[in-house]
PDB file of all heavy atoms in Angstrom:
ATOM      1  N   VAL A   1       0.807  -1.151   0.026  1.00  0.00           N
ATOM      2  CA  VAL A   1      -0.019  -0.003  -0.041  1.00  0.00           C
ATOM      3  C   VAL A   1       0.919   1.256  -0.037  1.00  0.00           C
ATOM      4  O   VAL A   1       2.087   1.120   0.317  1.00  0.00           O
ATOM      5  CB  VAL A   1      -0.926   0.108   1.193  1.00  0.00           C
ATOM      6  CG1 VAL A   1      -1.893  -1.111   1.251  1.00  0.00           C
ATOM      7  CG2 VAL A   1      -0.149   0.154   2.538  1.00  0.00           C
ATOM      8  N   SER A   2       0.321   2.388  -0.358  1.00  0.00           N
ATOM      9  CA  SER A   2       0.993   3.668  -0.222  1.00  0.00           C
ATOM     10  C   SER A   2       0.007   4.596   0.529  1.00  0.00           C
ATOM     11  O   SER A   2      -1.128   4.270   0.638  1.00  0.00           O
ATOM     12  CB  SER A   2       1.406   4.223  -1.587  1.00  0.00           C
ATOM     13  OG  SER A   2       0.347   4.241  -2.446  1.00  0.00           O
ATOM     14  N   MET A   3       0.551   5.650   1.027  1.00  0.00           N
ATOM     15  CA  MET A   3      -0.334   6.603   1.821  1.00  0.00           C
ATOM     16  C   MET A   3      -1.264   7.295   0.858  1.00  0.00           C
ATOM     17  O   MET A   3      -0.905   7.911  -0.119  1.00  0.00           O
ATOM     18  CB  MET A   3       0.552   7.660   2.488  1.00  0.00           C
ATOM     19  CG  MET A   3       1.485   7.124   3.582  1.00  0.00           C
ATOM     20  SD  MET A   3       0.695   6.164   4.853  1.00  0.00           S
ATOM     21  CE  MET A   3      -0.395   7.380   5.614  1.00  0.00           C
ATOM     22  N   ASN A   4      -2.575   7.187   1.175  1.00  0.00           N
ATOM     23  CA  ASN A   4      -3.604   7.841   0.361  1.00  0.00           C
ATOM     24  C   ASN A   4      -3.913   9.195   1.072  1.00  0.00           C
ATOM     25  O   ASN A   4      -4.841   9.348   1.858  1.00  0.00           O
ATOM     26  CB  ASN A   4      -4.851   7.046   0.308  1.00  0.00           C
ATOM     27  CG  ASN A   4      -5.926   7.650  -0.522  1.00  0.00           C
ATOM     28  OD1 ASN A   4      -5.749   8.769  -0.982  1.00  0.00           O
ATOM     29  ND2 ASN A   4      -7.074   6.994  -0.663  1.00  0.00           N
ATOM     30  N   PHE A   5      -3.034  10.191   0.788  1.00  0.00           N
ATOM     31  CA  PHE A   5      -3.158  11.490   1.475  1.00  0.00           C
ATOM     32  C   PHE A   5      -4.443  12.212   1.188  1.00  0.00           C
ATOM     33  O   PHE A   5      -4.878  13.046   1.900  1.00  0.00           O
ATOM     34  CB  PHE A   5      -1.976  12.398   1.169  1.00  0.00           C
ATOM     35  CG  PHE A   5      -0.699  11.996   1.876  1.00  0.00           C
ATOM     36  CD1 PHE A   5       0.356  11.296   1.168  1.00  0.00           C
ATOM     37  CD2 PHE A   5      -0.536  12.249   3.144  1.00  0.00           C
ATOM     38  CE1 PHE A   5       1.482  10.889   1.885  1.00  0.00           C
ATOM     39  CE2 PHE A   5       0.620  11.849   3.899  1.00  0.00           C
ATOM     40  CZ  PHE A   5       1.631  11.164   3.197  1.00  0.00           C
ATOM     41  N   ASP A   6      -5.057  11.852   0.050  1.00  0.00           N
ATOM     42  CA  ASP A   6      -6.367  12.483  -0.287  1.00  0.00           C
ATOM     43  C   ASP A   6      -7.486  12.011   0.537  1.00  0.00           C
ATOM     44  O   ASP A   6      -8.553  12.549   0.541  1.00  0.00           O
ATOM     45  CB  ASP A   6      -6.583  12.252  -1.789  1.00  0.00           C
ATOM     46  CG  ASP A   6      -5.563  12.866  -2.647  1.00  0.00           C
ATOM     47  OD1 ASP A   6      -4.964  13.907  -2.263  1.00  0.00           O
ATOM     48  OD2 ASP A   6      -5.267  12.353  -3.749  1.00  0.00           O
ATOM     49  N   ASP A   7      -7.265  10.802   1.199  1.00  0.00           N
ATOM     50  CA  ASP A   7      -8.410  10.251   1.987  1.00  0.00           C
ATOM     51  C   ASP A   7      -7.896   9.500   3.218  1.00  0.00           C
ATOM     52  O   ASP A   7      -8.235   8.324   3.418  1.00  0.00           O
ATOM     53  CB  ASP A   7      -9.229   9.302   1.051  1.00  0.00           C
ATOM     54  CG  ASP A   7     -10.535   8.832   1.688  1.00  0.00           C
ATOM     55  OD1 ASP A   7     -11.008   9.576   2.620  1.00  0.00           O
ATOM     56  OD2 ASP A   7     -11.027   7.785   1.377  1.00  0.00           O
ATOM     57  N   LEU A   8      -7.115  10.199   4.041  1.00  0.00           N
ATOM     58  CA  LEU A   8      -6.576   9.597   5.208  1.00  0.00           C
ATOM     59  C   LEU A   8      -7.727   9.210   6.194  1.00  0.00           C
ATOM     60  O   LEU A   8      -7.483   8.314   7.027  1.00  0.00           O
ATOM     61  CB  LEU A   8      -5.602  10.559   5.993  1.00  0.00           C
ATOM     62  CG  LEU A   8      -4.244  10.783   5.243  1.00  0.00           C
ATOM     63  CD1 LEU A   8      -3.443  11.809   6.075  1.00  0.00           C
ATOM     64  CD2 LEU A   8      -3.517   9.506   5.149  1.00  0.00           C
ATOM     65  N   ASN A   9      -8.834   9.795   6.037  1.00  0.00           N
ATOM     66  CA  ASN A   9      -9.991   9.454   6.951  1.00  0.00           C
ATOM     67  C   ASN A   9     -10.867   8.340   6.427  1.00  0.00           C
ATOM     68  O   ASN A   9     -11.935   8.034   6.955  1.00  0.00           O
ATOM     69  CB  ASN A   9     -10.834  10.709   7.199  1.00  0.00           C
ATOM     70  CG  ASN A   9     -10.554  11.301   8.612  1.00  0.00           C
ATOM     71  OD1 ASN A   9      -9.951  10.571   9.420  1.00  0.00           O
ATOM     72  ND2 ASN A   9     -10.927  12.492   8.832  1.00  0.00           N
ATOM     73  N   ALA A  10     -10.427   7.721   5.277  1.00  0.00           N
ATOM     74  CA  ALA A  10     -11.166   6.658   4.651  1.00  0.00           C
ATOM     75  C   ALA A  10     -12.651   6.914   4.504  1.00  0.00           C
ATOM     76  O   ALA A  10     -13.532   6.131   4.899  1.00  0.00           O
ATOM     77  CB  ALA A  10     -10.941   5.410   5.515  1.00  0.00           C
ATOM     78  N   GLU A  11     -12.999   8.109   3.999  1.00  0.00           N
ATOM     79  CA  GLU A  11     -14.371   8.483   3.848  1.00  0.00           C
ATOM     80  C   GLU A  11     -14.910   7.898   2.478  1.00  0.00           C
ATOM     81  O   GLU A  11     -16.144   7.699   2.385  1.00  0.00           O
ATOM     82  CB  GLU A  11     -14.539  10.004   3.895  1.00  0.00           C
ATOM     83  CG  GLU A  11     -14.508  10.467   5.335  1.00  0.00           C
ATOM     84  CD  GLU A  11     -14.100  11.912   5.515  1.00  0.00           C
ATOM     85  OE1 GLU A  11     -13.002  12.323   5.030  1.00  0.00           O
ATOM     86  OE2 GLU A  11     -14.913  12.615   6.141  1.00  0.00           O
ATOM     87  N   ASN A  12     -14.025   7.691   1.544  1.00  0.00           N
ATOM     88  CA  ASN A  12     -14.511   7.190   0.257  1.00  0.00           C
ATOM     89  C   ASN A  12     -14.355   5.644   0.187  1.00  0.00           C
ATOM     90  O   ASN A  12     -13.532   5.148  -0.505  1.00  0.00           O
ATOM     91  CB  ASN A  12     -13.667   7.771  -0.936  1.00  0.00           C
ATOM     92  CG  ASN A  12     -13.527   9.291  -0.774  1.00  0.00           C
ATOM     93  OD1 ASN A  12     -14.500   9.909  -0.276  1.00  0.00           O
ATOM     94  ND2 ASN A  12     -12.467   9.851  -1.225  1.00  0.00           N
ATOM     95  N   GLY A  13     -15.170   4.986   0.992  1.00  0.00           N
ATOM     96  CA  GLY A  13     -15.075   3.529   1.022  1.00  0.00           C
ATOM     97  C   GLY A  13     -14.071   3.086   2.042  1.00  0.00           C
ATOM     98  O   GLY A  13     -13.017   3.662   2.160  1.00  0.00           O
ATOM     99  N   TYR A  14     -14.430   2.098   2.798  1.00  0.00           N
ATOM    100  CA  TYR A  14     -13.598   1.592   3.917  1.00  0.00           C
ATOM    101  C   TYR A  14     -13.138   0.147   3.680  1.00  0.00           C
ATOM    102  O   TYR A  14     -14.077  -0.759   3.654  1.00  0.00           O
ATOM    103  CB  TYR A  14     -14.306   1.770   5.261  1.00  0.00           C
ATOM    104  CG  TYR A  14     -13.515   1.280   6.439  1.00  0.00           C
ATOM    105  CD1 TYR A  14     -12.653   2.181   7.093  1.00  0.00           C
ATOM    106  CD2 TYR A  14     -13.642   0.013   6.972  1.00  0.00           C
ATOM    107  CE1 TYR A  14     -11.900   1.806   8.217  1.00  0.00           C
ATOM    108  CE2 TYR A  14     -12.929  -0.392   8.073  1.00  0.00           C
ATOM    109  CZ  TYR A  14     -12.074   0.507   8.706  1.00  0.00           C
ATOM    110  OH  TYR A  14     -11.356   0.107   9.811  1.00  0.00           O
ATOM    111  N   ASN A  15     -11.873  -0.097   3.457  1.00  0.00           N
ATOM    112  CA  ASN A  15     -11.409  -1.510   3.364  1.00  0.00           C
ATOM    113  C   ASN A  15     -10.534  -1.685   4.601  1.00  0.00           C
ATOM    114  O   ASN A  15      -9.481  -1.114   4.706  1.00  0.00           O
ATOM    115  CB  ASN A  15     -10.663  -1.620   2.079  1.00  0.00           C
ATOM    116  CG  ASN A  15      -9.919  -2.930   1.974  1.00  0.00           C
ATOM    117  OD1 ASN A  15      -9.626  -3.592   2.982  1.00  0.00           O
ATOM    118  ND2 ASN A  15      -9.651  -3.379   0.743  1.00  0.00           N
ATOM    119  N   PRO A  16     -10.993  -2.514   5.541  1.00  0.00           N
ATOM    120  CA  PRO A  16     -10.266  -2.653   6.788  1.00  0.00           C
ATOM    121  C   PRO A  16      -8.779  -3.028   6.640  1.00  0.00           C
ATOM    122  O   PRO A  16      -7.962  -2.505   7.346  1.00  0.00           O
ATOM    123  CB  PRO A  16     -11.057  -3.746   7.571  1.00  0.00           C
ATOM    124  CG  PRO A  16     -11.977  -4.324   6.632  1.00  0.00           C
ATOM    125  CD  PRO A  16     -12.208  -3.347   5.502  1.00  0.00           C
ATOM    126  N   LEU A  17      -8.506  -3.962   5.709  1.00  0.00           N
ATOM    127  CA  LEU A  17      -7.087  -4.422   5.540  1.00  0.00           C
ATOM    128  C   LEU A  17      -6.270  -3.293   4.972  1.00  0.00           C
ATOM    129  O   LEU A  17      -5.121  -3.103   5.444  1.00  0.00           O
ATOM    130  CB  LEU A  17      -7.049  -5.662   4.616  1.00  0.00           C
ATOM    131  CG  LEU A  17      -7.648  -6.925   5.184  1.00  0.00           C
ATOM    132  CD1 LEU A  17      -7.757  -8.022   4.098  1.00  0.00           C
ATOM    133  CD2 LEU A  17      -6.853  -7.459   6.373  1.00  0.00           C
ATOM    134  N   GLN A  18      -6.794  -2.576   4.054  1.00  0.00           N
ATOM    135  CA  GLN A  18      -6.163  -1.410   3.419  1.00  0.00           C
ATOM    136  C   GLN A  18      -5.803  -0.354   4.484  1.00  0.00           C
ATOM    137  O   GLN A  18      -4.683   0.192   4.539  1.00  0.00           O
ATOM    138  CB  GLN A  18      -7.045  -0.818   2.313  1.00  0.00           C
ATOM    139  CG  GLN A  18      -6.414   0.240   1.520  1.00  0.00           C
ATOM    140  CD  GLN A  18      -5.827  -0.315   0.196  1.00  0.00           C
ATOM    141  OE1 GLN A  18      -6.150  -1.454  -0.203  1.00  0.00           O
ATOM    142  NE2 GLN A  18      -4.960   0.413  -0.365  1.00  0.00           N
ATOM    143  N   VAL A  19      -6.826  -0.028   5.264  1.00  0.00           N
ATOM    144  CA  VAL A  19      -6.633   1.015   6.259  1.00  0.00           C
ATOM    145  C   VAL A  19      -5.685   0.625   7.346  1.00  0.00           C
ATOM    146  O   VAL A  19      -4.820   1.421   7.744  1.00  0.00           O
ATOM    147  CB  VAL A  19      -8.065   1.292   6.873  1.00  0.00           C
ATOM    148  CG1 VAL A  19      -7.932   2.201   8.128  1.00  0.00           C
ATOM    149  CG2 VAL A  19      -8.934   2.059   5.850  1.00  0.00           C
ATOM    150  N   TYR A  20      -5.738  -0.653   7.771  1.00  0.00           N
ATOM    151  CA  TYR A  20      -4.752  -1.165   8.717  1.00  0.00           C
ATOM    152  C   TYR A  20      -3.399  -1.132   8.132  1.00  0.00           C
ATOM    153  O   TYR A  20      -2.387  -0.600   8.774  1.00  0.00           O
ATOM    154  CB  TYR A  20      -5.153  -2.542   9.127  1.00  0.00           C
ATOM    155  CG  TYR A  20      -4.199  -3.191  10.167  1.00  0.00           C
ATOM    156  CD1 TYR A  20      -4.244  -2.818  11.437  1.00  0.00           C
ATOM    157  CD2 TYR A  20      -3.268  -4.181   9.745  1.00  0.00           C
ATOM    158  CE1 TYR A  20      -3.347  -3.402  12.396  1.00  0.00           C
ATOM    159  CE2 TYR A  20      -2.372  -4.699  10.660  1.00  0.00           C
ATOM    160  CZ  TYR A  20      -2.412  -4.309  12.019  1.00  0.00           C
ATOM    161  OH  TYR A  20      -1.546  -4.860  12.883  1.00  0.00           O
ATOM    162  N   ALA A  21      -3.207  -1.580   6.931  1.00  0.00           N
ATOM    163  CA  ALA A  21      -1.943  -1.645   6.239  1.00  0.00           C
ATOM    164  C   ALA A  21      -1.359  -0.247   6.140  1.00  0.00           C
ATOM    165  O   ALA A  21      -0.165   0.049   6.345  1.00  0.00           O
ATOM    166  CB  ALA A  21      -2.074  -2.274   4.880  1.00  0.00           C
ATOM    167  N   GLN A  22      -2.170   0.754   5.738  1.00  0.00           N
ATOM    168  CA  GLN A  22      -1.676   2.095   5.658  1.00  0.00           C
ATOM    169  C   GLN A  22      -1.249   2.674   6.945  1.00  0.00           C
ATOM    170  O   GLN A  22      -0.248   3.387   7.042  1.00  0.00           O
ATOM    171  CB  GLN A  22      -2.818   2.983   5.069  1.00  0.00           C
ATOM    172  CG  GLN A  22      -2.383   4.374   4.831  1.00  0.00           C
ATOM    173  CD  GLN A  22      -3.477   5.223   4.129  1.00  0.00           C
ATOM    174  OE1 GLN A  22      -3.332   5.589   2.992  1.00  0.00           O
ATOM    175  NE2 GLN A  22      -4.603   5.486   4.822  1.00  0.00           N
ATOM    176  N   SER A  23      -1.928   2.335   8.071  1.00  0.00           N
ATOM    177  CA  SER A  23      -1.542   2.786   9.344  1.00  0.00           C
ATOM    178  C   SER A  23      -0.188   2.264   9.791  1.00  0.00           C
ATOM    179  O   SER A  23       0.651   2.911  10.457  1.00  0.00           O
ATOM    180  CB  SER A  23      -2.584   2.487  10.458  1.00  0.00           C
ATOM    181  OG  SER A  23      -2.546   1.128  10.815  1.00  0.00           O
ATOM    182  N   LYS A  24       0.099   1.026   9.341  1.00  0.00           N
ATOM    183  CA  LYS A  24       1.332   0.386   9.673  1.00  0.00           C
ATOM    184  C   LYS A  24       2.495   0.910   8.797  1.00  0.00           C
ATOM    185  O   LYS A  24       3.663   0.996   9.278  1.00  0.00           O
ATOM    186  CB  LYS A  24       1.280  -1.143   9.522  1.00  0.00           C
ATOM    187  CG  LYS A  24       0.261  -1.756  10.530  1.00  0.00           C
ATOM    188  CD  LYS A  24       0.844  -1.807  11.927  1.00  0.00           C
ATOM    189  CE  LYS A  24       0.058  -1.018  12.925  1.00  0.00           C
ATOM    190  NZ  LYS A  24       0.644  -1.025  14.263  1.00  0.00           N
ATOM    191  N   LEU A  25       2.198   1.332   7.544  1.00  0.00           N
ATOM    192  CA  LEU A  25       3.168   2.037   6.714  1.00  0.00           C
ATOM    193  C   LEU A  25       3.460   3.356   7.335  1.00  0.00           C
ATOM    194  O   LEU A  25       4.609   3.786   7.357  1.00  0.00           O
ATOM    195  CB  LEU A  25       2.615   2.232   5.317  1.00  0.00           C
ATOM    196  CG  LEU A  25       3.453   3.078   4.335  1.00  0.00           C
ATOM    197  CD1 LEU A  25       4.841   2.439   4.095  1.00  0.00           C
ATOM    198  CD2 LEU A  25       2.698   3.249   3.024  1.00  0.00           C
ATOM    199  N   ALA A  26       2.450   4.065   7.887  1.00  0.00           N
ATOM    200  CA  ALA A  26       2.587   5.369   8.532  1.00  0.00           C
ATOM    201  C   ALA A  26       3.609   5.226   9.715  1.00  0.00           C
ATOM    202  O   ALA A  26       4.450   6.101   9.907  1.00  0.00           O
ATOM    203  CB  ALA A  26       1.277   5.896   9.014  1.00  0.00           C
ATOM    204  N   ASN A  27       3.545   4.109  10.507  1.00  0.00           N
ATOM    205  CA  ASN A  27       4.536   3.862  11.574  1.00  0.00           C
ATOM    206  C   ASN A  27       5.979   3.921  11.091  1.00  0.00           C
ATOM    207  O   ASN A  27       6.849   4.412  11.762  1.00  0.00           O
ATOM    208  CB  ASN A  27       4.259   2.508  12.211  1.00  0.00           C
ATOM    209  CG  ASN A  27       2.888   2.411  12.979  1.00  0.00           C
ATOM    210  OD1 ASN A  27       2.346   1.354  13.073  1.00  0.00           O
ATOM    211  ND2 ASN A  27       2.402   3.533  13.493  1.00  0.00           N
ATOM    212  N   ILE A  28       6.149   3.321   9.844  1.00  0.00           N
ATOM    213  CA  ILE A  28       7.520   3.278   9.346  1.00  0.00           C
ATOM    214  C   ILE A  28       7.993   4.599   8.842  1.00  0.00           C
ATOM    215  O   ILE A  28       9.079   5.041   9.098  1.00  0.00           O
ATOM    216  CB  ILE A  28       7.649   2.135   8.264  1.00  0.00           C
ATOM    217  CG1 ILE A  28       7.132   0.822   8.801  1.00  0.00           C
ATOM    218  CG2 ILE A  28       9.121   2.028   7.842  1.00  0.00           C
ATOM    219  CD1 ILE A  28       7.110  -0.314   7.751  1.00  0.00           C
ATOM    220  N   LEU A  29       7.065   5.252   8.082  1.00  0.00           N
ATOM    221  CA  LEU A  29       7.451   6.572   7.568  1.00  0.00           C
ATOM    222  C   LEU A  29       7.734   7.529   8.693  1.00  0.00           C
ATOM    223  O   LEU A  29       8.699   8.309   8.658  1.00  0.00           O
ATOM    224  CB  LEU A  29       6.297   7.104   6.687  1.00  0.00           C
ATOM    225  CG  LEU A  29       5.958   6.354   5.393  1.00  0.00           C
ATOM    226  CD1 LEU A  29       4.611   6.880   4.859  1.00  0.00           C
ATOM    227  CD2 LEU A  29       7.060   6.573   4.386  1.00  0.00           C
TER     228      LEU A  29
END
């Protein structure tokens, strides 16, 4: 995954795995 800066709040559709993965990428960045 990469950071979706346009939708950090996952307002345009919520995919739990995607959102979790992005939060874990954020930890590394």
